[in-house]
Amino acid sequence: MKIGELAARTGASVRSIRHYEEEGLLRAERGPNRYRDFGEPAVERVQRIRVLLRNGFTIDEIRSVAVDLDDTNLGSVCADVVRLYVAKLAELDARIAEMRALQRRIRGRLGEIERQRTAT
């Protein structure tokens, strides 16, 4: 299928699909006319990439498990993706802790400002 059809079937933009290909997440054959030609497995692969992106993963993180994004090696997909999710969860926990600390500092500062305003 051509890139436009893959885009239509997955909801990804043509630009995104080109980007996935440039980043090594997706492969296309080139016909004699040099147009990209994607096989049927590309549909699910693009959908999986998009799910991972929506879940907060970076292209680099996805690339680390890119060879496992199809159904040919489900055992390693599970292990690698689980490790990726565990690492992402730890990263998010750390970011949440940082944000909560910032929230406490801002609340404290606002409290100080309000006390000064009402004291004068």
PDB file of N, CA and C in Angstrom:
ATOM      1  N   MET A   1       0.845  -1.175   0.000  1.00  0.00           N
ATOM      2  CA  MET A   1       0.000   0.000   0.000  1.00  0.00           C
ATOM      3  C   MET A   1       0.887   1.233   0.000  1.00  0.00           C
ATOM      4  N   LYS A   2       0.409   2.287  -0.564  1.00  0.00           N
ATOM      5  CA  LYS A   2       1.139   3.546  -0.624  1.00  0.00           C
ATOM      6  C   LYS A   2       1.014   4.271   0.712  1.00  0.00           C
ATOM      7  N   ILE A   3       1.868   5.256   0.904  1.00  0.00           N
ATOM      8  CA  ILE A   3       1.936   5.960   2.178  1.00  0.00           C
ATOM      9  C   ILE A   3       0.611   6.644   2.534  1.00  0.00           C
ATOM     10  N   GLY A   4      -0.093   7.180   1.540  1.00  0.00           N
ATOM     11  CA  GLY A   4      -1.376   7.830   1.798  1.00  0.00           C
ATOM     12  C   GLY A   4      -2.419   6.867   2.328  1.00  0.00           C
ATOM     13  N   GLU A   5      -2.429   5.656   1.784  1.00  0.00           N
ATOM     14  CA  GLU A   5      -3.379   4.648   2.270  1.00  0.00           C
ATOM     15  C   GLU A   5      -3.020   4.227   3.690  1.00  0.00           C
ATOM     16  N   LEU A   6      -1.721   4.051   3.960  1.00  0.00           N
ATOM     17  CA  LEU A   6      -1.299   3.695   5.320  1.00  0.00           C
ATOM     18  C   LEU A   6      -1.705   4.792   6.295  1.00  0.00           C
ATOM     19  N   ALA A   7      -1.536   6.031   5.895  1.00  0.00           N
ATOM     20  CA  ALA A   7      -1.939   7.156   6.740  1.00  0.00           C
ATOM     21  C   ALA A   7      -3.443   7.117   7.005  1.00  0.00           C
ATOM     22  N   ALA A   8      -4.213   6.898   5.975  1.00  0.00           N
ATOM     23  CA  ALA A   8      -5.672   6.867   6.124  1.00  0.00           C
ATOM     24  C   ALA A   8      -6.111   5.718   7.027  1.00  0.00           C
ATOM     25  N   ARG A   9      -5.468   4.578   6.900  1.00  0.00           N
ATOM     26  CA  ARG A   9      -5.869   3.401   7.688  1.00  0.00           C
ATOM     27  C   ARG A   9      -5.436   3.480   9.145  1.00  0.00           C
ATOM     28  N   THR A  10      -4.413   4.277   9.437  1.00  0.00           N
ATOM     29  CA  THR A  10      -3.904   4.325  10.811  1.00  0.00           C
ATOM     30  C   THR A  10      -4.230   5.620  11.540  1.00  0.00           C
ATOM     31  N   GLY A  11      -4.633   6.648  10.803  1.00  0.00           N
ATOM     32  CA  GLY A  11      -4.874   7.942  11.422  1.00  0.00           C
ATOM     33  C   GLY A  11      -3.603   8.758  11.611  1.00  0.00           C
ATOM     34  N   ALA A  12      -2.469   8.211  11.202  1.00  0.00           N
ATOM     35  CA  ALA A  12      -1.203   8.949  11.280  1.00  0.00           C
ATOM     36  C   ALA A  12      -1.078   9.828  10.043  1.00  0.00           C
ATOM     37  N   SER A  13      -0.376  10.910  10.181  1.00  0.00           N
ATOM     38  CA  SER A  13      -0.156  11.759   9.010  1.00  0.00           C
ATOM     39  C   SER A  13       0.940  11.153   8.133  1.00  0.00           C
ATOM     40  N   VAL A  14       0.937  11.534   6.879  1.00  0.00           N
ATOM     41  CA  VAL A  14       1.992  11.094   5.964  1.00  0.00           C
ATOM     42  C   VAL A  14       3.342  11.534   6.515  1.00  0.00           C
ATOM     43  N   ARG A  15       3.388  12.737   7.036  1.00  0.00           N
ATOM     44  CA  ARG A  15       4.632  13.264   7.613  1.00  0.00           C
ATOM     45  C   ARG A  15       5.115  12.392   8.767  1.00  0.00           C
ATOM     46  N   SER A  16       4.200  11.952   9.627  1.00  0.00           N
ATOM     47  CA  SER A  16       4.570  11.087  10.750  1.00  0.00           C
ATOM     48  C   SER A  16       5.118   9.758  10.255  1.00  0.00           C
ATOM     49  N   ILE A  17       4.470   9.199   9.266  1.00  0.00           N
ATOM     50  CA  ILE A  17       4.920   7.912   8.728  1.00  0.00           C
ATOM     51  C   ILE A  17       6.319   8.052   8.140  1.00  0.00           C
ATOM     52  N   ARG A  18       6.562   9.126   7.422  1.00  0.00           N
ATOM     53  CA  ARG A  18       7.913   9.370   6.897  1.00  0.00           C
ATOM     54  C   ARG A  18       8.914   9.477   8.043  1.00  0.00           C
ATOM     55  N   HIS A  19       8.506  10.156   9.105  1.00  0.00           N
ATOM     56  CA  HIS A  19       9.377  10.317  10.277  1.00  0.00           C
ATOM     57  C   HIS A  19       9.671   8.953  10.914  1.00  0.00           C
ATOM     58  N   TYR A  20       8.647   8.124  11.076  1.00  0.00           N
ATOM     59  CA  TYR A  20       8.867   6.789  11.648  1.00  0.00           C
ATOM     60  C   TYR A  20       9.854   6.006  10.797  1.00  0.00           C
ATOM     61  N   GLU A  21       9.733   6.153   9.497  1.00  0.00           N
ATOM     62  CA  GLU A  21      10.649   5.450   8.599  1.00  0.00           C
ATOM     63  C   GLU A  21      12.070   6.000   8.746  1.00  0.00           C
ATOM     64  N   GLU A  22      12.209   7.304   8.794  1.00  0.00           N
ATOM     65  CA  GLU A  22      13.529   7.923   8.958  1.00  0.00           C
ATOM     66  C   GLU A  22      14.184   7.517  10.267  1.00  0.00           C
ATOM     67  N   GLU A  23      13.374   7.315  11.290  1.00  0.00           N
ATOM     68  CA  GLU A  23      13.884   6.947  12.611  1.00  0.00           C
ATOM     69  C   GLU A  23      14.124   5.447  12.757  1.00  0.00           C
ATOM     70  N   GLY A  24      13.843   4.692  11.713  1.00  0.00           N
ATOM     71  CA  GLY A  24      14.092   3.259  11.755  1.00  0.00           C
ATOM     72  C   GLY A  24      13.001   2.450  12.427  1.00  0.00           C
ATOM     73  N   LEU A  25      11.840   3.059  12.638  1.00  0.00           N
ATOM     74  CA  LEU A  25      10.735   2.353  13.282  1.00  0.00           C
ATOM     75  C   LEU A  25       9.856   1.617  12.281  1.00  0.00           C
ATOM     76  N   LEU A  26       9.993   1.940  11.032  1.00  0.00           N
ATOM     77  CA  LEU A  26       9.115   1.415  10.002  1.00  0.00           C
ATOM     78  C   LEU A  26       9.925   1.264   8.722  1.00  0.00           C
ATOM     79  N   ARG A  27       9.637   0.210   7.970  1.00  0.00           N
ATOM     80  CA  ARG A  27      10.346  -0.025   6.719  1.00  0.00           C
ATOM     81  C   ARG A  27       9.367  -0.127   5.562  1.00  0.00           C
ATOM     82  N   ALA A  28       9.785   0.436   4.449  1.00  0.00           N
ATOM     83  CA  ALA A  28       8.979   0.339   3.225  1.00  0.00           C
ATOM     84  C   ALA A  28       9.872  -0.161   2.109  1.00  0.00           C
ATOM     85  N   GLU A  29       9.269  -0.892   1.221  1.00  0.00           N
ATOM     86  CA  GLU A  29       9.968  -1.280  -0.012  1.00  0.00           C
ATOM     87  C   GLU A  29       9.817  -0.120  -0.981  1.00  0.00           C
ATOM     88  N   ARG A  30      10.736  -0.016  -1.907  1.00  0.00           N
ATOM     89  CA  ARG A  30      10.629   1.012  -2.942  1.00  0.00           C
ATOM     90  C   ARG A  30      10.416   0.309  -4.276  1.00  0.00           C
ATOM     91  N   GLY A  31       9.357   0.702  -4.963  1.00  0.00           N
ATOM     92  CA  GLY A  31       9.061   0.131  -6.272  1.00  0.00           C
ATOM     93  C   GLY A  31       9.925   0.771  -7.343  1.00  0.00           C
ATOM     94  N   PRO A  32       9.779   0.314  -8.573  1.00  0.00           N
ATOM     95  CA  PRO A  32      10.546   0.896  -9.685  1.00  0.00           C
ATOM     96  C   PRO A  32      10.304   2.397  -9.832  1.00  0.00           C
ATOM     97  N   ASN A  33       9.140   2.843  -9.416  1.00  0.00           N
ATOM     98  CA  ASN A  33       8.809   4.274  -9.486  1.00  0.00           C
ATOM     99  C   ASN A  33       9.349   5.049  -8.279  1.00  0.00           C
ATOM    100  N   ARG A  34      10.029   4.330  -7.358  1.00  0.00           N
ATOM    101  CA  ARG A  34      10.629   4.876  -6.131  1.00  0.00           C
ATOM    102  C   ARG A  34       9.596   5.291  -5.083  1.00  0.00           C
ATOM    103  N   TYR A  35       8.314   4.963  -5.296  1.00  0.00           N
ATOM    104  CA  TYR A  35       7.299   5.225  -4.280  1.00  0.00           C
ATOM    105  C   TYR A  35       7.461   4.210  -3.158  1.00  0.00           C
ATOM    106  N   ARG A  36       7.123   4.652  -1.948  1.00  0.00           N
ATOM    107  CA  ARG A  36       7.134   3.731  -0.817  1.00  0.00           C
ATOM    108  C   ARG A  36       5.984   2.742  -0.988  1.00  0.00           C
ATOM    109  N   ASP A  37       6.266   1.498  -0.633  1.00  0.00           N
ATOM    110  CA  ASP A  37       5.223   0.471  -0.665  1.00  0.00           C
ATOM    111  C   ASP A  37       5.288  -0.279   0.663  1.00  0.00           C
ATOM    112  N   PHE A  38       4.220  -0.158   1.447  1.00  0.00           N
ATOM    113  CA  PHE A  38       4.164  -0.764   2.766  1.00  0.00           C
ATOM    114  C   PHE A  38       3.336  -2.037   2.723  1.00  0.00           C
ATOM    115  N   GLY A  39       3.775  -3.038   3.451  1.00  0.00           N
ATOM    116  CA  GLY A  39       3.018  -4.270   3.570  1.00  0.00           C
ATOM    117  C   GLY A  39       1.925  -4.128   4.615  1.00  0.00           C
ATOM    118  N   GLU A  40       1.043  -5.089   4.651  1.00  0.00           N
ATOM    119  CA  GLU A  40      -0.084  -5.080   5.596  1.00  0.00           C
ATOM    120  C   GLU A  40       0.368  -4.974   7.057  1.00  0.00           C
ATOM    121  N   PRO A  41       1.462  -5.624   7.476  1.00  0.00           N
ATOM    122  CA  PRO A  41       1.890  -5.499   8.884  1.00  0.00           C
ATOM    123  C   PRO A  41       2.216  -4.066   9.307  1.00  0.00           C
ATOM    124  N   ALA A  42       2.459  -3.173   8.354  1.00  0.00           N
ATOM    125  CA  ALA A  42       2.775  -1.783   8.695  1.00  0.00           C
ATOM    126  C   ALA A  42       1.607  -1.099   9.393  1.00  0.00           C
ATOM    127  N   VAL A  43       0.391  -1.515   9.095  1.00  0.00           N
ATOM    128  CA  VAL A  43      -0.791  -0.900   9.720  1.00  0.00           C
ATOM    129  C   VAL A  43      -0.718  -1.085  11.234  1.00  0.00           C
ATOM    130  N   GLU A  44      -0.548  -2.318  11.672  1.00  0.00           N
ATOM    131  CA  GLU A  44      -0.499  -2.561  13.118  1.00  0.00           C
ATOM    132  C   GLU A  44       0.749  -1.950  13.741  1.00  0.00           C
ATOM    133  N   ARG A  45       1.848  -1.981  13.028  1.00  0.00           N
ATOM    134  CA  ARG A  45       3.087  -1.411  13.556  1.00  0.00           C
ATOM    135  C   ARG A  45       2.921   0.092  13.807  1.00  0.00           C
ATOM    136  N   VAL A  46       2.346   0.812  12.860  1.00  0.00           N
ATOM    137  CA  VAL A  46       2.116   2.247  13.045  1.00  0.00           C
ATOM    138  C   VAL A  46       1.155   2.477  14.212  1.00  0.00           C
ATOM    139  N   GLN A  47       0.124   1.656  14.313  1.00  0.00           N
ATOM    140  CA  GLN A  47      -0.817   1.799  15.424  1.00  0.00           C
ATOM    141  C   GLN A  47      -0.117   1.588  16.763  1.00  0.00           C
ATOM    142  N   ARG A  48       0.772   0.607  16.839  1.00  0.00           N
ATOM    143  CA  ARG A  48       1.507   0.360  18.084  1.00  0.00           C
ATOM    144  C   ARG A  48       2.445   1.512  18.410  1.00  0.00           C
ATOM    145  N   ILE A  49       3.111   2.050  17.401  1.00  0.00           N
ATOM    146  CA  ILE A  49       3.987   3.202  17.609  1.00  0.00           C
ATOM    147  C   ILE A  49       3.180   4.359  18.164  1.00  0.00           C
ATOM    148  N   ARG A  50       2.020   4.600  17.588  1.00  0.00           N
ATOM    149  CA  ARG A  50       1.189   5.725  18.026  1.00  0.00           C
ATOM    150  C   ARG A  50       0.697   5.548  19.456  1.00  0.00           C
ATOM    151  N   VAL A  51       0.370   4.310  19.840  1.00  0.00           N
ATOM    152  CA  VAL A  51      -0.044   4.051  21.228  1.00  0.00           C
ATOM    153  C   VAL A  51       1.104   4.369  22.180  1.00  0.00           C
ATOM    154  N   LEU A  52       2.300   3.908  21.840  1.00  0.00           N
ATOM    155  CA  LEU A  52       3.453   4.183  22.701  1.00  0.00           C
ATOM    156  C   LEU A  52       3.726   5.683  22.793  1.00  0.00           C
ATOM    157  N   LEU A  53       3.618   6.395  21.686  1.00  0.00           N
ATOM    158  CA  LEU A  53       3.812   7.845  21.717  1.00  0.00           C
ATOM    159  C   LEU A  53       2.762   8.521  22.590  1.00  0.00           C
ATOM    160  N   ARG A  54       1.501   8.103  22.452  1.00  0.00           N
ATOM    161  CA  ARG A  54       0.429   8.670  23.290  1.00  0.00           C
ATOM    162  C   ARG A  54       0.665   8.371  24.762  1.00  0.00           C
ATOM    163  N   ASN A  55       1.321   7.250  25.049  1.00  0.00           N
ATOM    164  CA  ASN A  55       1.588   6.873  26.436  1.00  0.00           C
ATOM    165  C   ASN A  55       2.844   7.529  26.986  1.00  0.00           C
ATOM    166  N   GLY A  56       3.410   8.454  26.234  1.00  0.00           N
ATOM    167  CA  GLY A  56       4.506   9.258  26.748  1.00  0.00           C
ATOM    168  C   GLY A  56       5.900   8.776  26.408  1.00  0.00           C
ATOM    169  N   PHE A  57       6.013   7.779  25.557  1.00  0.00           N
ATOM    170  CA  PHE A  57       7.327   7.274  25.195  1.00  0.00           C
ATOM    171  C   PHE A  57       7.931   8.120  24.094  1.00  0.00           C
ATOM    172  N   THR A  58       9.248   8.237  24.114  1.00  0.00           N
ATOM    173  CA  THR A  58       9.951   8.982  23.085  1.00  0.00           C
ATOM    174  C   THR A  58      10.265   8.060  21.907  1.00  0.00           C
ATOM    175  N   ILE A  59      10.638   8.662  20.800  1.00  0.00           N
ATOM    176  CA  ILE A  59      11.049   7.884  19.632  1.00  0.00           C
ATOM    177  C   ILE A  59      12.239   6.998  19.999  1.00  0.00           C
ATOM    178  N   ASP A  60      13.194   7.534  20.756  1.00  0.00           N
ATOM    179  CA  ASP A  60      14.365   6.734  21.155  1.00  0.00           C
ATOM    180  C   ASP A  60      13.956   5.532  22.000  1.00  0.00           C
ATOM    181  N   GLU A  61      13.021   5.733  22.917  1.00  0.00           N
ATOM    182  CA  GLU A  61      12.559   4.621  23.744  1.00  0.00           C
ATOM    183  C   GLU A  61      11.849   3.577  22.882  1.00  0.00           C
ATOM    184  N   ILE A  62      11.039   4.037  21.960  1.00  0.00           N
ATOM    185  CA  ILE A  62      10.325   3.106  21.084  1.00  0.00           C
ATOM    186  C   ILE A  62      11.320   2.370  20.193  1.00  0.00           C
ATOM    187  N   ARG A  63      12.324   3.084  19.722  1.00  0.00           N
ATOM    188  CA  ARG A  63      13.326   2.450  18.869  1.00  0.00           C
ATOM    189  C   ARG A  63      13.998   1.282  19.590  1.00  0.00           C
ATOM    190  N   SER A  64      14.144   1.391  20.906  1.00  0.00           N
ATOM    191  CA  SER A  64      14.810   0.328  21.659  1.00  0.00           C
ATOM    192  C   SER A  64      14.044  -0.985  21.616  1.00  0.00           C
ATOM    193  N   VAL A  65      12.756  -0.936  21.314  1.00  0.00           N
ATOM    194  CA  VAL A  65      11.964  -2.165  21.183  1.00  0.00           C
ATOM    195  C   VAL A  65      11.348  -2.289  19.790  1.00  0.00           C
ATOM    196  N   ALA A  66      11.831  -1.488  18.854  1.00  0.00           N
ATOM    197  CA  ALA A  66      11.226  -1.451  17.514  1.00  0.00           C
ATOM    198  C   ALA A  66      11.235  -2.805  16.832  1.00  0.00           C
ATOM    199  N   VAL A  67      12.280  -3.580  17.030  1.00  0.00           N
ATOM    200  CA  VAL A  67      12.324  -4.887  16.367  1.00  0.00           C
ATOM    201  C   VAL A  67      11.237  -5.805  16.888  1.00  0.00           C
ATOM    202  N   ASP A  68      10.682  -5.462  18.042  1.00  0.00           N
ATOM    203  CA  ASP A  68       9.657  -6.298  18.651  1.00  0.00           C
ATOM    204  C   ASP A  68       8.248  -5.755  18.480  1.00  0.00           C
ATOM    205  N   LEU A  69       8.054  -4.784  17.615  1.00  0.00           N
ATOM    206  CA  LEU A  69       6.725  -4.189  17.468  1.00  0.00           C
ATOM    207  C   LEU A  69       5.781  -5.011  16.603  1.00  0.00           C
ATOM    208  N   ASP A  70       6.288  -6.039  15.955  1.00  0.00           N
ATOM    209  CA  ASP A  70       5.380  -6.890  15.180  1.00  0.00           C
ATOM    210  C   ASP A  70       5.122  -8.171  15.969  1.00  0.00           C
ATOM    211  N   ASP A  71       4.384  -9.083  15.387  1.00  0.00           N
ATOM    212  CA  ASP A  71       3.971 -10.294  16.097  1.00  0.00           C
ATOM    213  C   ASP A  71       4.927 -11.463  15.926  1.00  0.00           C
ATOM    214  N   THR A  72       6.123 -11.249  15.397  1.00  0.00           N
ATOM    215  CA  THR A  72       7.003 -12.382  15.117  1.00  0.00           C
ATOM    216  C   THR A  72       7.728 -12.882  16.355  1.00  0.00           C
ATOM    217  N   ASN A  73       7.783 -12.086  17.403  1.00  0.00           N
ATOM    218  CA  ASN A  73       8.551 -12.471  18.579  1.00  0.00           C
ATOM    219  C   ASN A  73       7.835 -12.000  19.847  1.00  0.00           C
ATOM    220  N   LEU A  74       6.657 -12.514  20.085  1.00  0.00           N
ATOM    221  CA  LEU A  74       5.814 -12.012  21.173  1.00  0.00           C
ATOM    222  C   LEU A  74       6.431 -12.203  22.552  1.00  0.00           C
ATOM    223  N   GLY A  75       7.227 -13.238  22.746  1.00  0.00           N
ATOM    224  CA  GLY A  75       7.863 -13.448  24.044  1.00  0.00           C
ATOM    225  C   GLY A  75       8.773 -12.297  24.418  1.00  0.00           C
ATOM    226  N   SER A  76       9.611 -11.872  23.501  1.00  0.00           N
ATOM    227  CA  SER A  76      10.509 -10.766  23.812  1.00  0.00           C
ATOM    228  C   SER A  76       9.766  -9.443  23.796  1.00  0.00           C
ATOM    229  N   VAL A  77       8.704  -9.333  23.014  1.00  0.00           N
ATOM    230  CA  VAL A  77       7.913  -8.103  23.024  1.00  0.00           C
ATOM    231  C   VAL A  77       7.420  -7.861  24.436  1.00  0.00           C
ATOM    232  N   CYS A  78       6.848  -8.873  25.018  1.00  0.00           N
ATOM    233  CA  CYS A  78       6.291  -8.703  26.357  1.00  0.00           C
ATOM    234  C   CYS A  78       7.371  -8.269  27.344  1.00  0.00           C
ATOM    235  N   ALA A  79       8.507  -8.961  27.360  1.00  0.00           N
ATOM    236  CA  ALA A  79       9.564  -8.648  28.318  1.00  0.00           C
ATOM    237  C   ALA A  79      10.131  -7.254  28.062  1.00  0.00           C
ATOM    238  N   ASP A  80      10.421  -6.941  26.817  1.00  0.00           N
ATOM    239  CA  ASP A  80      11.010  -5.640  26.500  1.00  0.00           C
ATOM    240  C   ASP A  80      10.034  -4.505  26.747  1.00  0.00           C
ATOM    241  N   VAL A  81       8.799  -4.693  26.362  1.00  0.00           N
ATOM    242  CA  VAL A  81       7.805  -3.632  26.554  1.00  0.00           C
ATOM    243  C   VAL A  81       7.511  -3.454  28.039  1.00  0.00           C
ATOM    244  N   VAL A  82       7.468  -4.541  28.789  1.00  0.00           N
ATOM    245  CA  VAL A  82       7.256  -4.425  30.239  1.00  0.00           C
ATOM    246  C   VAL A  82       8.394  -3.627  30.859  1.00  0.00           C
ATOM    247  N   ARG A  83       9.634  -3.915  30.484  1.00  0.00           N
ATOM    248  CA  ARG A  83      10.778  -3.156  31.005  1.00  0.00           C
ATOM    249  C   ARG A  83      10.664  -1.679  30.625  1.00  0.00           C
ATOM    250  N   LEU A  84      10.244  -1.428  29.409  1.00  0.00           N
ATOM    251  CA  LEU A  84      10.082  -0.053  28.955  1.00  0.00           C
ATOM    252  C   LEU A  84       9.017   0.665  29.780  1.00  0.00           C
ATOM    253  N   TYR A  85       7.897   0.009  30.012  1.00  0.00           N
ATOM    254  CA  TYR A  85       6.828   0.604  30.812  1.00  0.00           C
ATOM    255  C   TYR A  85       7.257   0.799  32.265  1.00  0.00           C
ATOM    256  N   VAL A  86       7.983  -0.144  32.831  1.00  0.00           N
ATOM    257  CA  VAL A  86       8.459  -0.003  34.210  1.00  0.00           C
ATOM    258  C   VAL A  86       9.385   1.204  34.314  1.00  0.00           C
ATOM    259  N   ALA A  87      10.295   1.346  33.352  1.00  0.00           N
ATOM    260  CA  ALA A  87      11.205   2.494  33.355  1.00  0.00           C
ATOM    261  C   ALA A  87      10.433   3.800  33.197  1.00  0.00           C
ATOM    262  N   LYS A  88       9.442   3.815  32.309  1.00  0.00           N
ATOM    263  CA  LYS A  88       8.645   5.031  32.102  1.00  0.00           C
ATOM    264  C   LYS A  88       7.855   5.361  33.365  1.00  0.00           C
ATOM    265  N   LEU A  89       7.324   4.366  34.027  1.00  0.00           N
ATOM    266  CA  LEU A  89       6.576   4.599  35.260  1.00  0.00           C
ATOM    267  C   LEU A  89       7.481   5.196  36.333  1.00  0.00           C
ATOM    268  N   ALA A  90       8.701   4.692  36.458  1.00  0.00           N
ATOM    269  CA  ALA A  90       9.652   5.246  37.429  1.00  0.00           C
ATOM    270  C   ALA A  90       9.971   6.703  37.090  1.00  0.00           C
ATOM    271  N   GLU A  91      10.148   6.981  35.800  1.00  0.00           N
ATOM    272  CA  GLU A  91      10.408   8.354  35.352  1.00  0.00           C
ATOM    273  C   GLU A  91       9.229   9.257  35.705  1.00  0.00           C
ATOM    274  N   LEU A  92       8.014   8.786  35.451  1.00  0.00           N
ATOM    275  CA  LEU A  92       6.823   9.583  35.755  1.00  0.00           C
ATOM    276  C   LEU A  92       6.676   9.798  37.254  1.00  0.00           C
ATOM    277  N   ASP A  93       6.949   8.770  38.059  1.00  0.00           N
ATOM    278  CA  ASP A  93       6.881   8.916  39.510  1.00  0.00           C
ATOM    279  C   ASP A  93       7.835  10.001  39.990  1.00  0.00           C
ATOM    280  N   ALA A  94       9.047  10.014  39.430  1.00  0.00           N
ATOM    281  CA  ALA A  94      10.025  11.034  39.812  1.00  0.00           C
ATOM    282  C   ALA A  94       9.548  12.429  39.396  1.00  0.00           C
ATOM    283  N   ARG A  95       9.007  12.539  38.197  1.00  0.00           N
ATOM    284  CA  ARG A  95       8.505  13.832  37.730  1.00  0.00           C
ATOM    285  C   ARG A  95       7.327  14.306  38.574  1.00  0.00           C
ATOM    286  N   ILE A  96       6.449  13.379  38.957  1.00  0.00           N
ATOM    287  CA  ILE A  96       5.305  13.734  39.801  1.00  0.00           C
ATOM    288  C   ILE A  96       5.794  14.232  41.160  1.00  0.00           C
ATOM    289  N   ALA A  97       6.791  13.566  41.716  1.00  0.00           N
ATOM    290  CA  ALA A  97       7.344  13.996  43.002  1.00  0.00           C
ATOM    291  C   ALA A  97       7.935  15.400  42.888  1.00  0.00           C
ATOM    292  N   GLU A  98       8.643  15.669  41.790  1.00  0.00           N
ATOM    293  CA  GLU A  98       9.195  17.011  41.562  1.00  0.00           C
ATOM    294  C   GLU A  98       8.082  18.048  41.450  1.00  0.00           C
ATOM    295  N   MET A  99       7.033  17.700  40.721  1.00  0.00           N
ATOM    296  CA  MET A  99       5.922  18.638  40.551  1.00  0.00           C
ATOM    297  C   MET A  99       5.198  18.887  41.870  1.00  0.00           C
ATOM    298  N   ARG A 100       5.057  17.857  42.687  1.00  0.00           N
ATOM    299  CA  ARG A 100       4.394  18.053  43.994  1.00  0.00           C
ATOM    300  C   ARG A 100       5.240  18.949  44.891  1.00  0.00           C
ATOM    301  N   ALA A 101       6.560  18.778  44.842  1.00  0.00           N
ATOM    302  CA  ALA A 101       7.439  19.640  45.629  1.00  0.00           C
ATOM    303  C   ALA A 101       7.320  21.086  45.151  1.00  0.00           C
ATOM    304  N   LEU A 102       7.301  21.282  43.844  1.00  0.00           N
ATOM    305  CA  LEU A 102       7.130  22.625  43.280  1.00  0.00           C
ATOM    306  C   LEU A 102       5.785  23.204  43.693  1.00  0.00           C
ATOM    307  N   GLN A 103       4.746  22.388  43.657  1.00  0.00           N
ATOM    308  CA  GLN A 103       3.410  22.830  44.053  1.00  0.00           C
ATOM    309  C   GLN A 103       3.416  23.295  45.516  1.00  0.00           C
ATOM    310  N   ARG A 104       4.088  22.535  46.388  1.00  0.00           N
ATOM    311  CA  ARG A 104       4.159  22.927  47.803  1.00  0.00           C
ATOM    312  C   ARG A 104       4.893  24.259  47.967  1.00  0.00           C
ATOM    313  N   ARG A 105       6.002  24.428  47.228  1.00  0.00           N
ATOM    314  CA  ARG A 105       6.757  25.687  47.311  1.00  0.00           C
ATOM    315  C   ARG A 105       5.918  26.866  46.830  1.00  0.00           C
ATOM    316  N   ILE A 106       5.193  26.690  45.744  1.00  0.00           N
ATOM    317  CA  ILE A 106       4.362  27.773  45.215  1.00  0.00           C
ATOM    318  C   ILE A 106       3.237  28.100  46.185  1.00  0.00           C
ATOM    319  N   ARG A 107       2.604  27.069  46.731  1.00  0.00           N
ATOM    320  CA  ARG A 107       1.537  27.327  47.718  1.00  0.00           C
ATOM    321  C   ARG A 107       2.083  28.084  48.916  1.00  0.00           C
ATOM    322  N   GLY A 108       3.257  27.662  49.366  1.00  0.00           N
ATOM    323  CA  GLY A 108       3.880  28.341  50.510  1.00  0.00           C
ATOM    324  C   GLY A 108       4.176  29.795  50.195  1.00  0.00           C
ATOM    325  N   ARG A 109       4.717  30.041  49.027  1.00  0.00           N
ATOM    326  CA  ARG A 109       5.034  31.413  48.609  1.00  0.00           C
ATOM    327  C   ARG A 109       3.766  32.250  48.492  1.00  0.00           C
ATOM    328  N   LEU A 110       2.723  31.681  47.905  1.00  0.00           N
ATOM    329  CA  LEU A 110       1.454  32.408  47.809  1.00  0.00           C
ATOM    330  C   LEU A 110       0.903  32.721  49.195  1.00  0.00           C
ATOM    331  N   GLY A 111       1.043  31.772  50.118  1.00  0.00           N
ATOM    332  CA  GLY A 111       0.592  32.016  51.490  1.00  0.00           C
ATOM    333  C   GLY A 111       1.341  33.165  52.129  1.00  0.00           C
ATOM    334  N   GLU A 112       2.653  33.215  51.902  1.00  0.00           N
ATOM    335  CA  GLU A 112       3.463  34.310  52.434  1.00  0.00           C
ATOM    336  C   GLU A 112       3.019  35.643  51.837  1.00  0.00           C
ATOM    337  N   ILE A 113       2.797  35.656  50.541  1.00  0.00           N
ATOM    338  CA  ILE A 113       2.369  36.884  49.864  1.00  0.00           C
ATOM    339  C   ILE A 113       1.029  37.349  50.411  1.00  0.00           C
ATOM    340  N   GLU A 114       0.088  36.432  50.577  1.00  0.00           N
ATOM    341  CA  GLU A 114      -1.242  36.797  51.097  1.00  0.00           C
ATOM    342  C   GLU A 114      -1.140  37.319  52.527  1.00  0.00           C
ATOM    343  N   ARG A 115      -0.301  36.693  53.350  1.00  0.00           N
ATOM    344  CA  ARG A 115      -0.140  37.166  54.737  1.00  0.00           C
ATOM    345  C   ARG A 115       0.443  38.579  54.769  1.00  0.00           C
ATOM    346  N   GLN A 116       1.412  38.856  53.880  1.00  0.00           N
ATOM    347  CA  GLN A 116       2.002  40.192  53.826  1.00  0.00           C
ATOM    348  C   GLN A 116       0.978  41.213  53.341  1.00  0.00           C
ATOM    349  N   ARG A 117       0.161  40.803  52.370  1.00  0.00           N
ATOM    350  CA  ARG A 117      -0.838  41.738  51.826  1.00  0.00           C
ATOM    351  C   ARG A 117      -1.892  42.075  52.879  1.00  0.00           C
ATOM    352  N   THR A 118      -2.295  41.106  53.652  1.00  0.00           N
ATOM    353  CA  THR A 118      -3.342  41.362  54.647  1.00  0.00           C
ATOM    354  C   THR A 118      -2.787  42.048  55.888  1.00  0.00           C
ATOM    355  N   ALA A 119      -1.467  41.940  56.134  1.00  0.00           N
ATOM    356  CA  ALA A 119      -0.850  42.582  57.286  1.00  0.00           C
ATOM    357  C   ALA A 119      -0.638  44.073  57.059  1.00  0.00           C
ATOM    358  N   THR A 120      -0.630  44.466  55.825  1.00  0.00           N
ATOM    359  CA  THR A 120      -0.378  45.898  55.563  1.00  0.00           C
ATOM    360  C   THR A 120      -1.632  46.673  55.310  1.00  0.00           C
TER     361      THR A 120
END
